[in-house]
Amino acid sequence: MPLYEYELEEGDCQVCGGKFTLNRPLSARPLKHCPLCKRKVKKLISPFFSPVKLKPLSISDAKKAGFSVLKRTGKGEYERQ
């Protein structure tokens, strides 16, 4: 289930803190009111994690990381480097 972040449209609340996160199924209807304080809420656009690729891997980096590096010698044929 995806996580959705919500924020009160106006003001602040001591009950919900004004901002909260909920696990909701994709099939659920859009949330219009806070389940705790019943005030109107708006859905926030949440950041997501995306791994950052700093530099392309070289053959020596791949070997150091424990990968087997293969070189294509023909159609469907490979040999280790």
Protein backbone atom coordinates (compact mmCIF):
# COMPACT_ATOMS: atom_id res chain seq x y z
CA MET A 1 0.00 0.00 0.00
CA PRO A 2 1.33 3.44 -0.85
CA LEU A 3 1.94 6.15 1.73
CA TYR A 4 0.02 9.39 1.38
CA GLU A 5 0.88 12.64 3.16
CA TYR A 6 -1.86 15.07 4.11
CA GLU A 7 -1.92 18.57 5.57
CA LEU A 8 -4.73 20.68 7.00
CA GLU A 9 -5.99 23.27 4.53
CA GLU A 10 -6.14 25.96 7.21
CA GLY A 11 -4.68 26.40 10.67
CA ASP A 12 -3.02 23.93 12.97
CA CYS A 13 -4.29 21.16 15.22
CA GLN A 14 -3.03 19.69 18.50
CA VAL A 15 -4.77 16.38 17.81
CA CYS A 16 -3.25 15.51 14.40
CA GLY A 17 -0.36 18.01 14.37
CA GLY A 18 -1.60 19.59 11.13
CA LYS A 19 0.28 17.08 8.97
CA PHE A 20 0.06 13.28 8.88
CA THR A 21 0.88 10.21 6.77
CA LEU A 22 -1.45 7.29 6.07
CA ASN A 23 -1.16 3.89 4.37
CA ARG A 24 -4.10 3.73 1.97
CA PRO A 25 -4.94 1.27 -0.80
CA LEU A 26 -5.04 2.59 -4.36
CA SER A 27 -8.73 1.74 -4.54
CA ALA A 28 -9.62 3.98 -1.56
CA ARG A 29 -11.63 7.14 -2.19
CA PRO A 30 -9.71 10.43 -1.80
CA LEU A 31 -9.45 11.61 1.79
CA LYS A 32 -11.17 14.99 2.27
CA HIS A 33 -11.20 15.28 6.08
CA CYS A 34 -8.73 14.38 8.84
CA PRO A 35 -9.79 11.12 10.54
CA LEU A 36 -8.90 12.60 13.97
CA CYS A 37 -10.06 16.22 13.99
CA LYS A 38 -12.49 16.11 10.99
CA ARG A 39 -11.06 19.30 9.43
CA LYS A 40 -10.48 19.62 5.66
CA VAL A 41 -7.17 18.30 4.36
CA LYS A 42 -5.19 18.43 1.12
CA LYS A 43 -2.91 15.71 -0.22
CA LEU A 44 0.77 16.66 -0.49
CA ILE A 45 3.15 15.58 -3.22
CA SER A 46 5.67 13.39 -1.42
CA PRO A 47 9.32 13.00 -2.35
CA PHE A 48 10.44 9.49 -3.23
CA PHE A 49 13.76 7.70 -2.93
CA SER A 50 15.70 7.26 -6.11
CA PRO A 51 19.25 5.92 -5.99
CA VAL A 52 21.79 8.31 -7.46
CA LYS A 53 24.31 6.93 -9.91
CA LEU A 54 27.50 8.88 -9.30
CA LYS A 55 29.66 7.52 -12.12
CA PRO A 56 29.54 4.69 -14.64
CA LEU A 57 30.98 1.43 -13.39
CA SER A 58 34.25 0.41 -14.96
CA ILE A 59 35.36 -3.18 -15.48
CA SER A 60 37.79 -2.93 -12.55
CA ASP A 61 35.04 -1.49 -10.29
CA ALA A 62 32.75 -4.38 -11.22
CA LYS A 63 35.47 -6.95 -10.50
CA LYS A 64 36.25 -5.32 -7.13
CA ALA A 65 32.55 -5.51 -6.26
CA GLY A 66 32.60 -9.28 -6.92
CA PHE A 67 30.84 -9.37 -10.30
CA SER A 68 31.93 -11.62 -13.17
CA VAL A 69 32.75 -9.53 -16.21
CA LEU A 70 32.03 -11.16 -19.56
CA LYS A 71 33.04 -10.18 -23.09
CA ARG A 72 30.97 -11.17 -26.09
CA THR A 73 32.95 -13.34 -28.51
CA GLY A 74 30.20 -14.36 -30.89
CA LYS A 75 26.48 -14.82 -31.22
CA GLY A 76 25.39 -16.11 -27.82
CA GLU A 77 29.00 -16.79 -26.77
CA TYR A 78 30.81 -15.00 -23.96
CA GLU A 79 34.12 -15.40 -22.15
CA ARG A 80 35.37 -14.07 -18.84
CA GLN A 81 37.69 -11.11 -18.84
